[in-house]
């Protein structure tokens, strides 16, 4: 294995571990969960977080509110480390809707 490949794999492992820990770490996860409900309330949205499956959060939202709900959830999750930690590389969150 080349040095460049070994370096890339090591870096990917650190980033992947951080991404998974960012959701799975109980205290941080609880902070995000605590922040999501008030953010949805401020936006006058009726979405509810139902559960967490590994590194995914599952929400239920009325059909007519989906387009307004996704950006709120995405913003809260991307800003989750702040103000405790300021990251040089921003978190990227993928949020999308699906029918059950």
N, C-alpha and C. Protein backbone atom coordinates (compact mmCIF):
# COMPACT_ATOMS: atom_id res chain seq x y z
N UNK A 1 0.86 -1.17 0.00
CA UNK A 1 0.00 0.00 0.00
C UNK A 1 0.90 1.23 0.00
N UNK A 2 0.57 2.19 -0.85
CA UNK A 2 1.38 3.40 -0.94
C UNK A 2 1.13 4.28 0.27
N UNK A 3 2.07 5.18 0.52
CA UNK A 3 1.92 6.11 1.64
C UNK A 3 0.70 7.01 1.45
N UNK A 4 0.45 7.43 0.22
CA UNK A 4 -0.69 8.30 -0.05
C UNK A 4 -2.01 7.58 0.25
N UNK A 5 -2.10 6.31 -0.15
CA UNK A 5 -3.31 5.54 0.10
C UNK A 5 -3.50 5.31 1.60
N UNK A 6 -2.43 4.98 2.28
CA UNK A 6 -2.51 4.78 3.73
C UNK A 6 -2.95 6.06 4.44
N UNK A 7 -2.39 7.18 4.01
CA UNK A 7 -2.76 8.47 4.60
C UNK A 7 -4.24 8.77 4.36
N UNK A 8 -4.69 8.55 3.13
CA UNK A 8 -6.10 8.82 2.79
C UNK A 8 -7.03 7.94 3.60
N UNK A 9 -6.70 6.66 3.74
CA UNK A 9 -7.55 5.75 4.52
C UNK A 9 -7.57 6.15 6.00
N UNK A 10 -6.44 6.55 6.52
CA UNK A 10 -6.40 6.98 7.92
C UNK A 10 -7.24 8.23 8.12
N UNK A 11 -7.14 9.17 7.21
CA UNK A 11 -7.91 10.41 7.31
C UNK A 11 -9.41 10.12 7.17
N UNK A 12 -9.77 9.25 6.25
CA UNK A 12 -11.18 8.88 6.08
C UNK A 12 -11.72 8.21 7.33
N UNK A 13 -10.91 7.39 7.97
CA UNK A 13 -11.36 6.72 9.20
C UNK A 13 -11.65 7.72 10.30
N UNK A 14 -10.80 8.73 10.43
CA UNK A 14 -11.01 9.76 11.45
C UNK A 14 -12.28 10.55 11.15
N UNK A 15 -12.45 10.96 9.91
CA UNK A 15 -13.64 11.73 9.53
C UNK A 15 -14.89 10.90 9.73
N UNK A 16 -14.86 9.63 9.31
CA UNK A 16 -16.01 8.76 9.46
C UNK A 16 -16.34 8.54 10.93
N UNK A 17 -15.32 8.32 11.75
CA UNK A 17 -15.54 8.13 13.19
C UNK A 17 -16.15 9.37 13.80
N UNK A 18 -15.66 10.56 13.40
CA UNK A 18 -16.22 11.80 13.93
C UNK A 18 -17.67 11.96 13.52
N UNK A 19 -17.98 11.66 12.26
CA UNK A 19 -19.35 11.80 11.78
C UNK A 19 -20.29 10.88 12.55
N UNK A 20 -19.88 9.64 12.77
CA UNK A 20 -20.72 8.70 13.50
C UNK A 20 -20.83 9.09 14.97
N UNK A 21 -19.73 9.50 15.57
CA UNK A 21 -19.74 9.90 16.97
C UNK A 21 -20.57 11.16 17.15
N UNK A 22 -20.56 12.04 16.16
CA UNK A 22 -21.33 13.27 16.26
C UNK A 22 -22.81 13.01 16.44
N UNK A 23 -23.31 11.93 15.88
CA UNK A 23 -24.71 11.59 16.05
C UNK A 23 -24.90 10.65 17.23
N UNK A 24 -23.96 9.75 17.43
CA UNK A 24 -24.15 8.72 18.45
C UNK A 24 -23.77 9.17 19.86
N UNK A 25 -22.91 10.15 19.97
CA UNK A 25 -22.52 10.62 21.30
C UNK A 25 -23.77 11.11 22.01
N UNK A 26 -24.09 10.51 23.12
CA UNK A 26 -25.38 10.76 23.76
C UNK A 26 -25.58 12.21 24.13
N UNK A 27 -24.59 12.83 24.76
CA UNK A 27 -24.76 14.21 25.19
C UNK A 27 -24.96 15.13 24.00
N UNK A 28 -24.14 14.98 22.95
CA UNK A 28 -24.27 15.81 21.76
C UNK A 28 -25.59 15.54 21.04
N UNK A 29 -25.95 14.26 20.97
CA UNK A 29 -27.20 13.90 20.31
C UNK A 29 -28.37 14.51 21.06
N UNK A 30 -28.33 14.44 22.39
CA UNK A 30 -29.42 15.02 23.18
C UNK A 30 -29.50 16.52 22.96
N UNK A 31 -28.34 17.19 22.83
CA UNK A 31 -28.35 18.63 22.57
C UNK A 31 -29.02 18.93 21.24
N UNK A 32 -28.71 18.14 20.22
CA UNK A 32 -29.34 18.36 18.92
C UNK A 32 -30.83 18.09 19.00
N UNK A 33 -31.20 17.02 19.68
CA UNK A 33 -32.61 16.70 19.80
C UNK A 33 -33.35 17.79 20.57
N UNK A 34 -32.70 18.32 21.57
CA UNK A 34 -33.30 19.41 22.34
C UNK A 34 -33.45 20.65 21.48
N UNK A 35 -32.52 20.90 20.60
CA UNK A 35 -32.56 22.09 19.75
C UNK A 35 -33.57 21.97 18.61
N UNK A 36 -33.82 20.76 18.16
CA UNK A 36 -34.70 20.58 17.00
C UNK A 36 -36.14 20.97 17.32
N UNK A 37 -36.66 20.50 18.45
CA UNK A 37 -38.06 20.77 18.77
C UNK A 37 -38.35 22.27 18.86
N UNK A 38 -37.54 23.07 19.61
CA UNK A 38 -37.81 24.52 19.63
C UNK A 38 -37.67 25.17 18.26
N UNK A 39 -36.73 24.69 17.44
CA UNK A 39 -36.56 25.27 16.10
C UNK A 39 -37.79 25.01 15.25
N UNK A 40 -38.34 23.82 15.35
CA UNK A 40 -39.55 23.51 14.60
C UNK A 40 -40.74 24.32 15.12
N UNK A 41 -40.80 24.51 16.43
CA UNK A 41 -41.88 25.30 17.02
C UNK A 41 -41.79 26.75 16.58
N UNK A 42 -40.56 27.31 16.61
CA UNK A 42 -40.37 28.71 16.17
C UNK A 42 -40.79 28.89 14.72
N UNK A 43 -40.55 27.88 13.91
CA UNK A 43 -40.91 27.94 12.49
C UNK A 43 -42.39 27.59 12.27
N UNK A 44 -43.10 27.33 13.37
CA UNK A 44 -44.53 26.98 13.31
C UNK A 44 -44.77 25.74 12.44
N UNK A 45 -43.92 24.72 12.67
CA UNK A 45 -44.02 23.46 11.94
C UNK A 45 -44.48 22.35 12.89
N UNK A 46 -45.18 21.38 12.37
CA UNK A 46 -45.72 20.29 13.18
C UNK A 46 -44.94 18.99 13.06
N UNK A 47 -43.74 19.03 12.53
CA UNK A 47 -42.93 17.83 12.38
C UNK A 47 -42.51 17.32 13.76
N UNK A 48 -42.38 16.02 13.89
CA UNK A 48 -41.96 15.38 15.13
C UNK A 48 -40.85 14.38 14.82
N UNK A 49 -39.82 14.37 15.67
CA UNK A 49 -38.77 13.38 15.51
C UNK A 49 -39.28 12.07 16.11
N UNK A 50 -39.24 11.00 15.32
CA UNK A 50 -39.76 9.72 15.77
C UNK A 50 -38.69 8.83 16.37
N UNK A 51 -37.55 8.71 15.68
CA UNK A 51 -36.51 7.83 16.18
C UNK A 51 -35.18 8.08 15.50
N UNK A 52 -34.16 7.45 16.07
CA UNK A 52 -32.82 7.50 15.50
C UNK A 52 -32.44 6.08 15.12
N UNK A 53 -31.96 5.89 13.90
CA UNK A 53 -31.46 4.61 13.43
C UNK A 53 -30.03 4.83 12.99
N UNK A 54 -29.09 4.34 13.76
CA UNK A 54 -27.67 4.54 13.53
C UNK A 54 -27.38 6.04 13.41
N UNK A 55 -26.96 6.50 12.26
CA UNK A 55 -26.62 7.92 12.12
C UNK A 55 -27.72 8.70 11.40
N UNK A 56 -28.93 8.18 11.42
CA UNK A 56 -30.06 8.86 10.78
C UNK A 56 -31.12 9.20 11.80
N UNK A 57 -31.73 10.35 11.62
CA UNK A 57 -32.86 10.76 12.44
C UNK A 57 -34.10 10.69 11.56
N UNK A 58 -35.16 10.11 12.07
CA UNK A 58 -36.39 9.93 11.32
C UNK A 58 -37.45 10.87 11.88
N UNK A 59 -38.06 11.65 10.99
CA UNK A 59 -39.09 12.61 11.37
C UNK A 59 -40.39 12.27 10.66
N UNK A 60 -41.47 12.71 11.26
CA UNK A 60 -42.77 12.65 10.61
C UNK A 60 -43.26 14.08 10.47
N UNK A 61 -43.71 14.44 9.28
CA UNK A 61 -44.17 15.81 9.03
C UNK A 61 -45.39 15.77 8.12
N UNK A 62 -46.30 16.72 8.32
CA UNK A 62 -47.44 16.80 7.41
C UNK A 62 -46.94 17.04 5.98
N UNK A 63 -47.62 16.46 5.03
CA UNK A 63 -47.22 16.55 3.62
C UNK A 63 -46.98 18.00 3.17
N UNK A 64 -47.82 18.92 3.60
CA UNK A 64 -47.71 20.31 3.17
C UNK A 64 -46.58 21.08 3.82
N UNK A 65 -45.90 20.50 4.83
CA UNK A 65 -44.83 21.21 5.54
C UNK A 65 -43.43 20.68 5.22
N UNK A 66 -43.35 19.69 4.38
CA UNK A 66 -42.05 19.04 4.14
C UNK A 66 -41.01 20.02 3.61
N UNK A 67 -41.37 20.82 2.63
CA UNK A 67 -40.41 21.76 2.03
C UNK A 67 -39.91 22.79 3.03
N UNK A 68 -40.71 23.14 4.02
CA UNK A 68 -40.29 24.09 5.05
C UNK A 68 -39.54 23.40 6.18
N UNK A 69 -39.84 22.13 6.43
CA UNK A 69 -39.24 21.40 7.54
C UNK A 69 -37.80 20.99 7.26
N UNK A 70 -37.52 20.51 6.06
CA UNK A 70 -36.17 20.02 5.74
C UNK A 70 -35.07 21.05 6.01
N UNK A 71 -35.21 22.31 5.58
CA UNK A 71 -34.13 23.27 5.85
C UNK A 71 -33.94 23.56 7.34
N UNK A 72 -35.01 23.52 8.11
CA UNK A 72 -34.89 23.77 9.56
C UNK A 72 -34.08 22.65 10.20
N UNK A 73 -34.43 21.41 9.90
CA UNK A 73 -33.71 20.26 10.46
C UNK A 73 -32.25 20.29 10.02
N UNK A 74 -32.02 20.55 8.76
CA UNK A 74 -30.65 20.60 8.22
C UNK A 74 -29.82 21.66 8.93
N UNK A 75 -30.39 22.85 9.12
CA UNK A 75 -29.66 23.95 9.78
C UNK A 75 -29.31 23.58 11.22
N UNK A 76 -30.26 23.02 11.96
CA UNK A 76 -30.00 22.65 13.35
C UNK A 76 -28.90 21.61 13.43
N UNK A 77 -28.93 20.61 12.57
CA UNK A 77 -27.92 19.56 12.59
C UNK A 77 -26.55 20.08 12.18
N UNK A 78 -26.49 20.96 11.20
CA UNK A 78 -25.19 21.50 10.76
C UNK A 78 -24.58 22.42 11.81
N UNK A 79 -25.42 23.09 12.58
CA UNK A 79 -24.93 24.01 13.62
C UNK A 79 -24.80 23.33 14.98
N UNK A 80 -24.98 22.03 15.03
CA UNK A 80 -25.00 21.29 16.29
C UNK A 80 -23.75 21.47 17.16
N UNK A 81 -22.55 21.48 16.61
CA UNK A 81 -21.38 21.59 17.49
C UNK A 81 -21.21 22.98 18.12
N UNK A 82 -21.83 23.99 17.55
CA UNK A 82 -21.66 25.35 18.02
C UNK A 82 -22.55 25.63 19.22
N UNK A 83 -22.19 26.43 20.13
CA UNK A 83 -20.98 27.24 20.21
C UNK A 83 -19.81 26.53 20.89
N UNK A 84 -20.02 25.29 21.34
CA UNK A 84 -18.96 24.59 22.08
C UNK A 84 -17.73 24.34 21.22
N UNK A 85 -17.94 24.01 19.94
CA UNK A 85 -16.83 23.69 19.05
C UNK A 85 -17.06 24.42 17.74
N UNK A 86 -16.02 25.08 17.27
CA UNK A 86 -16.07 25.73 15.97
C UNK A 86 -15.22 24.89 15.01
N UNK A 87 -15.86 24.29 14.05
CA UNK A 87 -15.16 23.40 13.12
C UNK A 87 -14.60 24.18 11.94
N UNK A 88 -13.40 23.81 11.51
CA UNK A 88 -12.82 24.45 10.33
C UNK A 88 -13.48 23.92 9.06
N UNK A 89 -13.93 22.67 9.11
CA UNK A 89 -14.63 22.07 7.98
C UNK A 89 -16.09 21.92 8.41
N UNK A 90 -17.01 22.56 7.70
CA UNK A 90 -18.41 22.51 8.14
C UNK A 90 -19.01 21.10 8.00
N UNK A 91 -19.93 20.80 8.90
CA UNK A 91 -20.68 19.54 8.80
C UNK A 91 -21.63 19.65 7.62
N UNK A 92 -21.75 18.58 6.88
CA UNK A 92 -22.71 18.54 5.79
C UNK A 92 -23.79 17.54 6.17
N UNK A 93 -25.02 17.97 6.07
CA UNK A 93 -26.16 17.14 6.44
C UNK A 93 -27.00 16.89 5.21
N UNK A 94 -27.38 15.65 5.02
CA UNK A 94 -28.26 15.28 3.92
C UNK A 94 -29.66 15.08 4.50
N UNK A 95 -30.60 15.87 4.05
CA UNK A 95 -31.98 15.76 4.51
C UNK A 95 -32.89 15.59 3.31
N UNK A 96 -33.74 14.60 3.37
CA UNK A 96 -34.66 14.38 2.26
C UNK A 96 -35.94 13.74 2.78
N UNK A 97 -36.97 13.80 1.97
CA UNK A 97 -38.26 13.26 2.33
C UNK A 97 -38.55 12.00 1.54
N UNK A 98 -39.29 11.11 2.19
CA UNK A 98 -39.73 9.88 1.54
C UNK A 98 -41.08 9.49 2.10
N UNK A 99 -41.82 8.73 1.34
CA UNK A 99 -43.10 8.22 1.83
C UNK A 99 -42.85 6.94 2.59
N UNK A 100 -43.67 6.68 3.61
CA UNK A 100 -43.44 5.45 4.41
C UNK A 100 -44.07 4.24 3.78
